[in-house]
Amino acid sequence: MKEDLMDIICCPLDKSELELEVIRRDDEEILEGRLVCTECGEEYPVEEGIPNLLPPDMREA
């Protein structure tokens, strides 16, 4: 995931801003991390460079 994507994505539940917590990155992309909603606190994983913005009840365990 490119970091400038943060300018256009928001929490799918309440449309609030997301904060990015980076676990692993390369020169150009964030490979692992999580996005955390500033209002509801819901967390969305970033795995293999892909943010999973599905609501919690729609994600696979």
PDB file of N, CA and C in Angstrom:
ATOM      1  N   MET A   1       0.859  -1.171   0.000  1.00  0.00           N
ATOM      2  CA  MET A   1       0.000   0.000   0.000  1.00  0.00           C
ATOM      3  C   MET A   1       0.901   1.229   0.000  1.00  0.00           C
ATOM      4  N   LYS A   2       0.609   2.153  -0.860  1.00  0.00           N
ATOM      5  CA  LYS A   2       1.326   3.426  -0.894  1.00  0.00           C
ATOM      6  C   LYS A   2       0.811   4.323   0.228  1.00  0.00           C
ATOM      7  N   GLU A   3       1.723   5.022   0.879  1.00  0.00           N
ATOM      8  CA  GLU A   3       1.322   5.860   2.019  1.00  0.00           C
ATOM      9  C   GLU A   3       0.392   7.002   1.619  1.00  0.00           C
ATOM     10  N   ASP A   4       0.492   7.484   0.387  1.00  0.00           N
ATOM     11  CA  ASP A   4      -0.391   8.580  -0.026  1.00  0.00           C
ATOM     12  C   ASP A   4      -1.854   8.143  -0.192  1.00  0.00           C
ATOM     13  N   LEU A   5      -2.118   6.838  -0.133  1.00  0.00           N
ATOM     14  CA  LEU A   5      -3.491   6.335  -0.124  1.00  0.00           C
ATOM     15  C   LEU A   5      -4.244   6.824   1.124  1.00  0.00           C
ATOM     16  N   MET A   6      -3.507   7.155   2.176  1.00  0.00           N
ATOM     17  CA  MET A   6      -4.124   7.640   3.416  1.00  0.00           C
ATOM     18  C   MET A   6      -4.932   8.915   3.191  1.00  0.00           C
ATOM     19  N   ASP A   7      -4.645   9.643   2.115  1.00  0.00           N
ATOM     20  CA  ASP A   7      -5.368  10.885   1.824  1.00  0.00           C
ATOM     21  C   ASP A   7      -6.803  10.629   1.364  1.00  0.00           C
ATOM     22  N   ILE A   8      -7.090   9.408   0.880  1.00  0.00           N
ATOM     23  CA  ILE A   8      -8.410   9.173   0.300  1.00  0.00           C
ATOM     24  C   ILE A   8      -9.227   8.081   0.989  1.00  0.00           C
ATOM     25  N   ILE A   9      -8.613   7.278   1.861  1.00  0.00           N
ATOM     26  CA  ILE A   9      -9.392   6.224   2.514  1.00  0.00           C
ATOM     27  C   ILE A   9      -9.912   6.691   3.869  1.00  0.00           C
ATOM     28  N   CYS A  10     -11.003   6.072   4.305  1.00  0.00           N
ATOM     29  CA  CYS A  10     -11.594   6.394   5.599  1.00  0.00           C
ATOM     30  C   CYS A  10     -12.207   5.123   6.182  1.00  0.00           C
ATOM     31  N   CYS A  11     -12.622   5.195   7.415  1.00  0.00           N
ATOM     32  CA  CYS A  11     -13.248   4.067   8.083  1.00  0.00           C
ATOM     33  C   CYS A  11     -14.563   3.730   7.375  1.00  0.00           C
ATOM     34  N   PRO A  12     -14.756   2.479   6.966  1.00  0.00           N
ATOM     35  CA  PRO A  12     -15.996   2.119   6.286  1.00  0.00           C
ATOM     36  C   PRO A  12     -17.222   2.133   7.203  1.00  0.00           C
ATOM     37  N   LEU A  13     -17.008   2.114   8.507  1.00  0.00           N
ATOM     38  CA  LEU A  13     -18.145   2.101   9.434  1.00  0.00           C
ATOM     39  C   LEU A  13     -18.695   3.492   9.716  1.00  0.00           C
ATOM     40  N   ASP A  14     -17.800   4.458   9.969  1.00  0.00           N
ATOM     41  CA  ASP A  14     -18.287   5.796  10.339  1.00  0.00           C
ATOM     42  C   ASP A  14     -17.676   6.937   9.529  1.00  0.00           C
ATOM     43  N   LYS A  15     -16.891   6.588   8.509  1.00  0.00           N
ATOM     44  CA  LYS A  15     -16.286   7.562   7.579  1.00  0.00           C
ATOM     45  C   LYS A  15     -15.290   8.503   8.243  1.00  0.00           C
ATOM     46  N   SER A  16     -14.739   8.129   9.402  1.00  0.00           N
ATOM     47  CA  SER A  16     -13.744   8.947  10.084  1.00  0.00           C
ATOM     48  C   SER A  16     -12.350   8.652   9.529  1.00  0.00           C
ATOM     49  N   GLU A  17     -11.398   9.471   9.923  1.00  0.00           N
ATOM     50  CA  GLU A  17     -10.014   9.293   9.482  1.00  0.00           C
ATOM     51  C   GLU A  17      -9.418   8.028  10.077  1.00  0.00           C
ATOM     52  N   LEU A  18      -8.421   7.503   9.368  1.00  0.00           N
ATOM     53  CA  LEU A  18      -7.684   6.334   9.833  1.00  0.00           C
ATOM     54  C   LEU A  18      -6.245   6.736  10.116  1.00  0.00           C
ATOM     55  N   GLU A  19      -5.678   6.172  11.176  1.00  0.00           N
ATOM     56  CA  GLU A  19      -4.265   6.354  11.473  1.00  0.00           C
ATOM     57  C   GLU A  19      -3.528   5.095  11.057  1.00  0.00           C
ATOM     58  N   LEU A  20      -2.333   5.274  10.515  1.00  0.00           N
ATOM     59  CA  LEU A  20      -1.540   4.161  10.024  1.00  0.00           C
ATOM     60  C   LEU A  20      -0.467   3.790  11.034  1.00  0.00           C
ATOM     61  N   GLU A  21      -0.397   2.504  11.371  1.00  0.00           N
ATOM     62  CA  GLU A  21       0.674   1.971  12.209  1.00  0.00           C
ATOM     63  C   GLU A  21       1.438   0.970  11.349  1.00  0.00           C
ATOM     64  N   VAL A  22       2.688   1.298  11.027  1.00  0.00           N
ATOM     65  CA  VAL A  22       3.501   0.487  10.125  1.00  0.00           C
ATOM     66  C   VAL A  22       4.272  -0.559  10.907  1.00  0.00           C
ATOM     67  N   ILE A  23       4.198  -1.806  10.450  1.00  0.00           N
ATOM     68  CA  ILE A  23       4.984  -2.896  11.026  1.00  0.00           C
ATOM     69  C   ILE A  23       6.175  -3.202  10.128  1.00  0.00           C
ATOM     70  N   ARG A  24       5.928  -3.253   8.802  1.00  0.00           N
ATOM     71  CA  ARG A  24       7.008  -3.563   7.862  1.00  0.00           C
ATOM     72  C   ARG A  24       6.774  -2.805   6.573  1.00  0.00           C
ATOM     73  N   ARG A  25       7.847  -2.252   6.015  1.00  0.00           N
ATOM     74  CA  ARG A  25       7.751  -1.515   4.754  1.00  0.00           C
ATOM     75  C   ARG A  25       8.997  -1.750   3.933  1.00  0.00           C
ATOM     76  N   ASP A  26       8.889  -1.493   2.624  1.00  0.00           N
ATOM     77  CA  ASP A  26      10.070  -1.468   1.788  1.00  0.00           C
ATOM     78  C   ASP A  26      10.270  -0.020   1.349  1.00  0.00           C
ATOM     79  N   ASP A  27      11.045   0.211   0.331  1.00  0.00           N
ATOM     80  CA  ASP A  27      11.343   1.586  -0.080  1.00  0.00           C
ATOM     81  C   ASP A  27      10.108   2.370  -0.511  1.00  0.00           C
ATOM     82  N   GLU A  28       9.150   1.692  -1.140  1.00  0.00           N
ATOM     83  CA  GLU A  28       8.029   2.405  -1.738  1.00  0.00           C
ATOM     84  C   GLU A  28       6.678   2.131  -1.082  1.00  0.00           C
ATOM     85  N   GLU A  29       6.513   0.988  -0.439  1.00  0.00           N
ATOM     86  CA  GLU A  29       5.189   0.600   0.043  1.00  0.00           C
ATOM     87  C   GLU A  29       5.198   0.091   1.472  1.00  0.00           C
ATOM     88  N   ILE A  30       4.042   0.191   2.109  1.00  0.00           N
ATOM     89  CA  ILE A  30       3.831  -0.413   3.417  1.00  0.00           C
ATOM     90  C   ILE A  30       3.379  -1.842   3.166  1.00  0.00           C
ATOM     91  N   LEU A  31       4.114  -2.805   3.691  1.00  0.00           N
ATOM     92  CA  LEU A  31       3.819  -4.207   3.452  1.00  0.00           C
ATOM     93  C   LEU A  31       2.945  -4.800   4.541  1.00  0.00           C
ATOM     94  N   GLU A  32       3.176  -4.408   5.786  1.00  0.00           N
ATOM     95  CA  GLU A  32       2.361  -4.894   6.905  1.00  0.00           C
ATOM     96  C   GLU A  32       2.117  -3.758   7.879  1.00  0.00           C
ATOM     97  N   GLY A  33       0.947  -3.774   8.458  1.00  0.00           N
ATOM     98  CA  GLY A  33       0.609  -2.760   9.439  1.00  0.00           C
ATOM     99  C   GLY A  33      -0.867  -2.840   9.766  1.00  0.00           C
ATOM    100  N   ARG A  34      -1.369  -1.748  10.281  1.00  0.00           N
ATOM    101  CA  ARG A  34      -2.799  -1.689  10.556  1.00  0.00           C
ATOM    102  C   ARG A  34      -3.267  -0.255  10.461  1.00  0.00           C
ATOM    103  N   LEU A  35      -4.529  -0.124  10.129  1.00  0.00           N
ATOM    104  CA  LEU A  35      -5.198   1.165  10.069  1.00  0.00           C
ATOM    105  C   LEU A  35      -6.177   1.202  11.230  1.00  0.00           C
ATOM    106  N   VAL A  36      -6.146   2.276  12.000  1.00  0.00           N
ATOM    107  CA  VAL A  36      -6.995   2.392  13.181  1.00  0.00           C
ATOM    108  C   VAL A  36      -7.870   3.632  13.036  1.00  0.00           C
ATOM    109  N   CYS A  37      -9.174   3.444  13.213  1.00  0.00           N
ATOM    110  CA  CYS A  37     -10.125   4.557  13.124  1.00  0.00           C
ATOM    111  C   CYS A  37      -9.937   5.490  14.314  1.00  0.00           C
ATOM    112  N   THR A  38      -9.894   6.786  14.038  1.00  0.00           N
ATOM    113  CA  THR A  38      -9.708   7.776  15.104  1.00  0.00           C
ATOM    114  C   THR A  38     -10.951   7.964  15.955  1.00  0.00           C
ATOM    115  N   GLU A  39     -12.126   7.534  15.466  1.00  0.00           N
ATOM    116  CA  GLU A  39     -13.370   7.693  16.230  1.00  0.00           C
ATOM    117  C   GLU A  39     -13.812   6.406  16.918  1.00  0.00           C
ATOM    118  N   CYS A  40     -14.033   5.349  16.149  1.00  0.00           N
ATOM    119  CA  CYS A  40     -14.588   4.124  16.744  1.00  0.00           C
ATOM    120  C   CYS A  40     -13.504   3.157  17.239  1.00  0.00           C
ATOM    121  N   GLY A  41     -12.249   3.358  16.819  1.00  0.00           N
ATOM    122  CA  GLY A  41     -11.159   2.513  17.285  1.00  0.00           C
ATOM    123  C   GLY A  41     -11.036   1.181  16.561  1.00  0.00           C
ATOM    124  N   GLU A  42     -11.882   0.935  15.565  1.00  0.00           N
ATOM    125  CA  GLU A  42     -11.800  -0.325  14.816  1.00  0.00           C
ATOM    126  C   GLU A  42     -10.462  -0.401  14.082  1.00  0.00           C
ATOM    127  N   GLU A  43      -9.911  -1.612  14.003  1.00  0.00           N
ATOM    128  CA  GLU A  43      -8.624  -1.828  13.356  1.00  0.00           C
ATOM    129  C   GLU A  43      -8.814  -2.612  12.066  1.00  0.00           C
ATOM    130  N   TYR A  44      -8.064  -2.209  11.047  1.00  0.00           N
ATOM    131  CA  TYR A  44      -8.093  -2.855   9.742  1.00  0.00           C
ATOM    132  C   TYR A  44      -6.662  -3.246   9.385  1.00  0.00           C
ATOM    133  N   PRO A  45      -6.424  -4.522   9.097  1.00  0.00           N
ATOM    134  CA  PRO A  45      -5.057  -4.973   8.829  1.00  0.00           C
ATOM    135  C   PRO A  45      -4.579  -4.580   7.433  1.00  0.00           C
ATOM    136  N   VAL A  46      -3.255  -4.407   7.322  1.00  0.00           N
ATOM    137  CA  VAL A  46      -2.587  -4.277   6.030  1.00  0.00           C
ATOM    138  C   VAL A  46      -1.673  -5.490   5.935  1.00  0.00           C
ATOM    139  N   GLU A  47      -1.952  -6.365   4.973  1.00  0.00           N
ATOM    140  CA  GLU A  47      -1.191  -7.594   4.814  1.00  0.00           C
ATOM    141  C   GLU A  47      -0.711  -7.706   3.376  1.00  0.00           C
ATOM    142  N   GLU A  48       0.571  -7.973   3.205  1.00  0.00           N
ATOM    143  CA  GLU A  48       1.178  -8.094   1.877  1.00  0.00           C
ATOM    144  C   GLU A  48       0.900  -6.857   1.027  1.00  0.00           C
ATOM    145  N   GLY A  49       0.857  -5.695   1.671  1.00  0.00           N
ATOM    146  CA  GLY A  49       0.661  -4.441   0.969  1.00  0.00           C
ATOM    147  C   GLY A  49      -0.779  -4.103   0.641  1.00  0.00           C
ATOM    148  N   ILE A  50      -1.723  -4.919   1.111  1.00  0.00           N
ATOM    149  CA  ILE A  50      -3.133  -4.710   0.780  1.00  0.00           C
ATOM    150  C   ILE A  50      -3.933  -4.395   2.043  1.00  0.00           C
ATOM    151  N   PRO A  51      -4.566  -3.214   2.099  1.00  0.00           N
ATOM    152  CA  PRO A  51      -5.407  -2.904   3.256  1.00  0.00           C
ATOM    153  C   PRO A  51      -6.746  -3.642   3.164  1.00  0.00           C
ATOM    154  N   ASN A  52      -7.159  -4.265   4.253  1.00  0.00           N
ATOM    155  CA  ASN A  52      -8.445  -4.970   4.313  1.00  0.00           C
ATOM    156  C   ASN A  52      -9.436  -4.062   5.032  1.00  0.00           C
ATOM    157  N   LEU A  53     -10.263  -3.380   4.254  1.00  0.00           N
ATOM    158  CA  LEU A  53     -11.206  -2.421   4.821  1.00  0.00           C
ATOM    159  C   LEU A  53     -12.611  -2.986   4.949  1.00  0.00           C
ATOM    160  N   LEU A  54     -12.725  -4.293   4.946  1.00  0.00           N
ATOM    161  CA  LEU A  54     -14.024  -4.901   5.191  1.00  0.00           C
ATOM    162  C   LEU A  54     -14.430  -4.698   6.649  1.00  0.00           C
ATOM    163  N   PRO A  55     -15.705  -4.477   6.912  1.00  0.00           N
ATOM    164  CA  PRO A  55     -16.158  -4.405   8.303  1.00  0.00           C
ATOM    165  C   PRO A  55     -15.806  -5.694   9.037  1.00  0.00           C
ATOM    166  N   PRO A  56     -15.587  -5.621  10.340  1.00  0.00           N
ATOM    167  CA  PRO A  56     -15.120  -6.776  11.108  1.00  0.00           C
ATOM    168  C   PRO A  56     -15.972  -8.027  10.932  1.00  0.00           C
ATOM    169  N   ASP A  57     -17.281  -7.903  10.825  1.00  0.00           N
ATOM    170  CA  ASP A  57     -18.140  -9.078  10.708  1.00  0.00           C
ATOM    171  C   ASP A  57     -18.094  -9.708   9.320  1.00  0.00           C
ATOM    172  N   MET A  58     -17.443  -9.066   8.365  1.00  0.00           N
ATOM    173  CA  MET A  58     -17.340  -9.624   7.021  1.00  0.00           C
ATOM    174  C   MET A  58     -15.957 -10.216   6.712  1.00  0.00           C
ATOM    175  N   ARG A  59     -15.014 -10.072   7.637  1.00  0.00           N
ATOM    176  CA  ARG A  59     -13.668 -10.616   7.438  1.00  0.00           C
ATOM    177  C   ARG A  59     -13.633 -12.084   7.808  1.00  0.00           C
ATOM    178  N   GLU A  60     -12.774 -12.818   7.114  1.00  0.00           N
ATOM    179  CA  GLU A  60     -12.566 -14.220   7.469  1.00  0.00           C
ATOM    180  C   GLU A  60     -11.700 -14.293   8.720  1.00  0.00           C
ATOM    181  N   ALA A  61     -11.945 -15.299   9.525  1.00  0.00           N
ATOM    182  CA  ALA A  61     -11.162 -15.476  10.758  1.00  0.00           C
ATOM    183  C   ALA A  61      -9.766 -15.945  10.452  1.00  0.00           C
TER     184      ALA A  61
END
